Amino acid sequence: MSQDLKITLVKSHIGTPASQRAVLNGMGLNKMNKSVVLKDTPEIRGMIRKVSHMVNVTE
């Protein structure tokens, strides 16, 4: 699982619960349409699952 994931924030975090905002900040997504490349680990997959309605993920 040493693959990389490109994660892009496509929906605003305004009006979301604080826990979801904390997940986005933890991944480094703080602005709309910002993309980050993170390692494909179970921890990152769990973070993506929590905010899956707000992000696009490509492998």
PDB file of N, CA and C in Angstrom:
ATOM      1  N   MET A   1       0.830  -1.198   0.000  1.00  0.00           N
ATOM      2  CA  MET A   1       0.000   0.000   0.000  1.00  0.00           C
ATOM      3  C   MET A   1       0.865   1.248   0.000  1.00  0.00           C
ATOM      4  N   SER A   2       1.909   1.256  -0.778  1.00  0.00           N
ATOM      5  CA  SER A   2       2.770   2.429  -0.824  1.00  0.00           C
ATOM      6  C   SER A   2       2.355   3.384  -1.934  1.00  0.00           C
ATOM      7  N   GLN A   3       1.142   3.217  -2.427  1.00  0.00           N
ATOM      8  CA  GLN A   3       0.655   4.061  -3.497  1.00  0.00           C
ATOM      9  C   GLN A   3       0.285   5.439  -2.931  1.00  0.00           C
ATOM     10  N   ASP A   4       0.212   6.417  -3.810  1.00  0.00           N
ATOM     11  CA  ASP A   4      -0.188   7.758  -3.400  1.00  0.00           C
ATOM     12  C   ASP A   4      -1.618   8.029  -3.836  1.00  0.00           C
ATOM     13  N   LEU A   5      -2.301   8.865  -3.074  1.00  0.00           N
ATOM     14  CA  LEU A   5      -3.657   9.294  -3.390  1.00  0.00           C
ATOM     15  C   LEU A   5      -3.662  10.801  -3.577  1.00  0.00           C
ATOM     16  N   LYS A   6      -4.317  11.267  -4.617  1.00  0.00           N
ATOM     17  CA  LYS A   6      -4.491  12.700  -4.817  1.00  0.00           C
ATOM     18  C   LYS A   6      -5.894  13.049  -4.341  1.00  0.00           C
ATOM     19  N   ILE A   7      -5.983  13.902  -3.338  1.00  0.00           N
ATOM     20  CA  ILE A   7      -7.250  14.254  -2.714  1.00  0.00           C
ATOM     21  C   ILE A   7      -7.510  15.730  -2.975  1.00  0.00           C
ATOM     22  N   THR A   8      -8.705  16.050  -3.500  1.00  0.00           N
ATOM     23  CA  THR A   8      -9.079  17.421  -3.834  1.00  0.00           C
ATOM     24  C   THR A   8     -10.352  17.786  -3.095  1.00  0.00           C
ATOM     25  N   LEU A   9     -10.343  18.947  -2.443  1.00  0.00           N
ATOM     26  CA  LEU A   9     -11.526  19.452  -1.749  1.00  0.00           C
ATOM     27  C   LEU A   9     -12.452  20.106  -2.766  1.00  0.00           C
ATOM     28  N   VAL A  10     -13.667  19.581  -2.923  1.00  0.00           N
ATOM     29  CA  VAL A  10     -14.587  20.095  -3.937  1.00  0.00           C
ATOM     30  C   VAL A  10     -15.829  20.745  -3.336  1.00  0.00           C
ATOM     31  N   LYS A  11     -16.017  20.641  -2.022  1.00  0.00           N
ATOM     32  CA  LYS A  11     -17.162  21.253  -1.369  1.00  0.00           C
ATOM     33  C   LYS A  11     -16.669  22.007  -0.147  1.00  0.00           C
ATOM     34  N   SER A  12     -17.261  23.151   0.120  1.00  0.00           N
ATOM     35  CA  SER A  12     -16.823  23.996   1.227  1.00  0.00           C
ATOM     36  C   SER A  12     -17.059  23.331   2.573  1.00  0.00           C
ATOM     37  N   HIS A  13     -16.177  23.634   3.521  1.00  0.00           N
ATOM     38  CA  HIS A  13     -16.324  23.100   4.867  1.00  0.00           C
ATOM     39  C   HIS A  13     -17.203  23.977   5.749  1.00  0.00           C
ATOM     40  N   ILE A  14     -17.713  25.075   5.214  1.00  0.00           N
ATOM     41  CA  ILE A  14     -18.568  25.968   5.999  1.00  0.00           C
ATOM     42  C   ILE A  14     -19.856  25.232   6.351  1.00  0.00           C
ATOM     43  N   GLY A  15     -20.229  25.273   7.601  1.00  0.00           N
ATOM     44  CA  GLY A  15     -21.458  24.646   8.051  1.00  0.00           C
ATOM     45  C   GLY A  15     -21.322  23.181   8.390  1.00  0.00           C
ATOM     46  N   THR A  16     -20.125  22.634   8.325  1.00  0.00           N
ATOM     47  CA  THR A  16     -19.923  21.226   8.669  1.00  0.00           C
ATOM     48  C   THR A  16     -19.522  21.117  10.136  1.00  0.00           C
ATOM     49  N   PRO A  17     -19.698  19.946  10.729  1.00  0.00           N
ATOM     50  CA  PRO A  17     -19.288  19.755  12.126  1.00  0.00           C
ATOM     51  C   PRO A  17     -17.791  19.978  12.319  1.00  0.00           C
ATOM     52  N   ALA A  18     -17.430  20.346  13.520  1.00  0.00           N
ATOM     53  CA  ALA A  18     -16.027  20.634  13.817  1.00  0.00           C
ATOM     54  C   ALA A  18     -15.134  19.420  13.589  1.00  0.00           C
ATOM     55  N   SER A  19     -15.649  18.226  13.817  1.00  0.00           N
ATOM     56  CA  SER A  19     -14.828  17.033  13.626  1.00  0.00           C
ATOM     57  C   SER A  19     -14.454  16.847  12.151  1.00  0.00           C
ATOM     58  N   GLN A  20     -15.378  17.183  11.242  1.00  0.00           N
ATOM     59  CA  GLN A  20     -15.060  17.077   9.816  1.00  0.00           C
ATOM     60  C   GLN A  20     -14.074  18.156   9.400  1.00  0.00           C
ATOM     61  N   ARG A  21     -14.200  19.352   9.955  1.00  0.00           N
ATOM     62  CA  ARG A  21     -13.232  20.410   9.657  1.00  0.00           C
ATOM     63  C   ARG A  21     -11.846  20.020  10.153  1.00  0.00           C
ATOM     64  N   ALA A  22     -11.789  19.371  11.302  1.00  0.00           N
ATOM     65  CA  ALA A  22     -10.506  18.935  11.850  1.00  0.00           C
ATOM     66  C   ALA A  22      -9.859  17.889  10.945  1.00  0.00           C
ATOM     67  N   VAL A  23     -10.654  17.005  10.378  1.00  0.00           N
ATOM     68  CA  VAL A  23     -10.127  15.996   9.455  1.00  0.00           C
ATOM     69  C   VAL A  23      -9.554  16.667   8.215  1.00  0.00           C
ATOM     70  N   LEU A  24     -10.293  17.632   7.663  1.00  0.00           N
ATOM     71  CA  LEU A  24      -9.798  18.335   6.471  1.00  0.00           C
ATOM     72  C   LEU A  24      -8.505  19.085   6.771  1.00  0.00           C
ATOM     73  N   ASN A  25      -8.440  19.747   7.922  1.00  0.00           N
ATOM     74  CA  ASN A  25      -7.214  20.454   8.294  1.00  0.00           C
ATOM     75  C   ASN A  25      -6.064  19.472   8.496  1.00  0.00           C
ATOM     76  N   GLY A  26      -6.361  18.309   9.048  1.00  0.00           N
ATOM     77  CA  GLY A  26      -5.336  17.291   9.252  1.00  0.00           C
ATOM     78  C   GLY A  26      -4.760  16.784   7.947  1.00  0.00           C
ATOM     79  N   MET A  27      -5.578  16.765   6.905  1.00  0.00           N
ATOM     80  CA  MET A  27      -5.100  16.339   5.590  1.00  0.00           C
ATOM     81  C   MET A  27      -4.461  17.487   4.827  1.00  0.00           C
ATOM     82  N   GLY A  28      -4.567  18.716   5.328  1.00  0.00           N
ATOM     83  CA  GLY A  28      -3.968  19.863   4.654  1.00  0.00           C
ATOM     84  C   GLY A  28      -4.887  20.516   3.646  1.00  0.00           C
ATOM     85  N   LEU A  29      -6.184  20.243   3.737  1.00  0.00           N
ATOM     86  CA  LEU A  29      -7.153  20.830   2.811  1.00  0.00           C
ATOM     87  C   LEU A  29      -7.889  21.954   3.523  1.00  0.00           C
ATOM     88  N   ASN A  30      -7.531  23.186   3.203  1.00  0.00           N
ATOM     89  CA  ASN A  30      -8.168  24.310   3.872  1.00  0.00           C
ATOM     90  C   ASN A  30      -8.805  25.300   2.903  1.00  0.00           C
ATOM     91  N   LYS A  31      -8.676  25.086   1.608  1.00  0.00           N
ATOM     92  CA  LYS A  31      -9.291  25.960   0.609  1.00  0.00           C
ATOM     93  C   LYS A  31      -9.951  25.100  -0.461  1.00  0.00           C
ATOM     94  N   MET A  32     -10.972  25.661  -1.089  1.00  0.00           N
ATOM     95  CA  MET A  32     -11.664  24.962  -2.165  1.00  0.00           C
ATOM     96  C   MET A  32     -10.708  24.665  -3.318  1.00  0.00           C
ATOM     97  N   ASN A  33     -10.883  23.532  -3.951  1.00  0.00           N
ATOM     98  CA  ASN A  33     -10.120  23.077  -5.110  1.00  0.00           C
ATOM     99  C   ASN A  33      -8.641  22.870  -4.824  1.00  0.00           C
ATOM    100  N   LYS A  34      -8.253  22.818  -3.564  1.00  0.00           N
ATOM    101  CA  LYS A  34      -6.863  22.521  -3.223  1.00  0.00           C
ATOM    102  C   LYS A  34      -6.666  21.014  -3.264  1.00  0.00           C
ATOM    103  N   SER A  35      -5.543  20.580  -3.781  1.00  0.00           N
ATOM    104  CA  SER A  35      -5.219  19.160  -3.871  1.00  0.00           C
ATOM    105  C   SER A  35      -3.970  18.862  -3.061  1.00  0.00           C
ATOM    106  N   VAL A  36      -3.965  17.691  -2.451  1.00  0.00           N
ATOM    107  CA  VAL A  36      -2.791  17.201  -1.742  1.00  0.00           C
ATOM    108  C   VAL A  36      -2.553  15.765  -2.167  1.00  0.00           C
ATOM    109  N   VAL A  37      -1.301  15.340  -2.086  1.00  0.00           N
ATOM    110  CA  VAL A  37      -0.936  13.961  -2.381  1.00  0.00           C
ATOM    111  C   VAL A  37      -0.480  13.333  -1.075  1.00  0.00           C
ATOM    112  N   LEU A  38      -1.197  12.276  -0.654  1.00  0.00           N
ATOM    113  CA  LEU A  38      -0.897  11.597   0.596  1.00  0.00           C
ATOM    114  C   LEU A  38      -0.694  10.113   0.332  1.00  0.00           C
ATOM    115  N   LYS A  39       0.039   9.463   1.223  1.00  0.00           N
ATOM    116  CA  LYS A  39       0.264   8.021   1.114  1.00  0.00           C
ATOM    117  C   LYS A  39      -1.043   7.278   1.361  1.00  0.00           C
ATOM    118  N   ASP A  40      -1.196   6.145   0.716  1.00  0.00           N
ATOM    119  CA  ASP A  40      -2.388   5.312   0.853  1.00  0.00           C
ATOM    120  C   ASP A  40      -2.224   4.407   2.070  1.00  0.00           C
ATOM    121  N   THR A  41      -2.673   4.891   3.233  1.00  0.00           N
ATOM    122  CA  THR A  41      -2.607   4.122   4.467  1.00  0.00           C
ATOM    123  C   THR A  41      -4.018   3.948   5.020  1.00  0.00           C
ATOM    124  N   PRO A  42      -4.225   2.998   5.915  1.00  0.00           N
ATOM    125  CA  PRO A  42      -5.554   2.831   6.512  1.00  0.00           C
ATOM    126  C   PRO A  42      -6.035   4.077   7.251  1.00  0.00           C
ATOM    127  N   GLU A  43      -5.119   4.825   7.842  1.00  0.00           N
ATOM    128  CA  GLU A  43      -5.499   6.035   8.561  1.00  0.00           C
ATOM    129  C   GLU A  43      -6.055   7.088   7.602  1.00  0.00           C
ATOM    130  N   ILE A  44      -5.375   7.282   6.485  1.00  0.00           N
ATOM    131  CA  ILE A  44      -5.831   8.254   5.484  1.00  0.00           C
ATOM    132  C   ILE A  44      -7.147   7.798   4.867  1.00  0.00           C
ATOM    133  N   ARG A  45      -7.291   6.492   4.622  1.00  0.00           N
ATOM    134  CA  ARG A  45      -8.555   5.972   4.077  1.00  0.00           C
ATOM    135  C   ARG A  45      -9.712   6.255   5.031  1.00  0.00           C
ATOM    136  N   GLY A  46      -9.476   6.146   6.328  1.00  0.00           N
ATOM    137  CA  GLY A  46     -10.511   6.453   7.316  1.00  0.00           C
ATOM    138  C   GLY A  46     -10.876   7.924   7.309  1.00  0.00           C
ATOM    139  N   MET A  47      -9.873   8.790   7.149  1.00  0.00           N
ATOM    140  CA  MET A  47     -10.141  10.228   7.078  1.00  0.00           C
ATOM    141  C   MET A  47     -10.959  10.553   5.831  1.00  0.00           C
ATOM    142  N   ILE A  48     -10.613   9.918   4.715  1.00  0.00           N
ATOM    143  CA  ILE A  48     -11.348  10.141   3.470  1.00  0.00           C
ATOM    144  C   ILE A  48     -12.787   9.674   3.619  1.00  0.00           C
ATOM    145  N   ARG A  49     -12.988   8.543   4.280  1.00  0.00           N
ATOM    146  CA  ARG A  49     -14.334   8.012   4.461  1.00  0.00           C
ATOM    147  C   ARG A  49     -15.199   8.984   5.269  1.00  0.00           C
ATOM    148  N   LYS A  50     -14.607   9.673   6.224  1.00  0.00           N
ATOM    149  CA  LYS A  50     -15.366  10.592   7.068  1.00  0.00           C
ATOM    150  C   LYS A  50     -15.840  11.826   6.298  1.00  0.00           C
ATOM    151  N   VAL A  51     -15.072  12.271   5.298  1.00  0.00           N
ATOM    152  CA  VAL A  51     -15.434  13.468   4.535  1.00  0.00           C
ATOM    153  C   VAL A  51     -15.586  13.145   3.052  1.00  0.00           C
ATOM    154  N   SER A  52     -16.022  11.927   2.739  1.00  0.00           N
ATOM    155  CA  SER A  52     -16.095  11.481   1.344  1.00  0.00           C
ATOM    156  C   SER A  52     -17.052  12.312   0.501  1.00  0.00           C
ATOM    157  N   HIS A  53     -18.042  12.932   1.136  1.00  0.00           N
ATOM    158  CA  HIS A  53     -19.009  13.749   0.398  1.00  0.00           C
ATOM    159  C   HIS A  53     -18.429  15.108   0.014  1.00  0.00           C
ATOM    160  N   MET A  54     -17.234  15.433   0.489  1.00  0.00           N
ATOM    161  CA  MET A  54     -16.632  16.741   0.241  1.00  0.00           C
ATOM    162  C   MET A  54     -15.371  16.683  -0.608  1.00  0.00           C
ATOM    163  N   VAL A  55     -14.862  15.493  -0.882  1.00  0.00           N
ATOM    164  CA  VAL A  55     -13.569  15.369  -1.571  1.00  0.00           C
ATOM    165  C   VAL A  55     -13.687  14.434  -2.779  1.00  0.00           C
ATOM    166  N   ASN A  56     -12.769  14.606  -3.724  1.00  0.00           N
ATOM    167  CA  ASN A  56     -12.561  13.676  -4.831  1.00  0.00           C
ATOM    168  C   ASN A  56     -11.209  13.022  -4.630  1.00  0.00           C
ATOM    169  N   VAL A  57     -11.147  11.716  -4.861  1.00  0.00           N
ATOM    170  CA  VAL A  57      -9.913  10.972  -4.652  1.00  0.00           C
ATOM    171  C   VAL A  57      -9.544  10.263  -5.946  1.00  0.00           C
ATOM    172  N   THR A  58      -8.290  10.417  -6.354  1.00  0.00           N
ATOM    173  CA  THR A  58      -7.770   9.677  -7.494  1.00  0.00           C
ATOM    174  C   THR A  58      -6.486   8.976  -7.063  1.00  0.00           C
ATOM    175  N   GLU A  59      -6.274   7.796  -7.615  1.00  0.00           N
ATOM    176  CA  GLU A  59      -5.082   7.030  -7.244  1.00  0.00           C
ATOM    177  C   GLU A  59      -3.939   7.306  -8.188  1.00  0.00           C
TER     178      GLU A  59
END
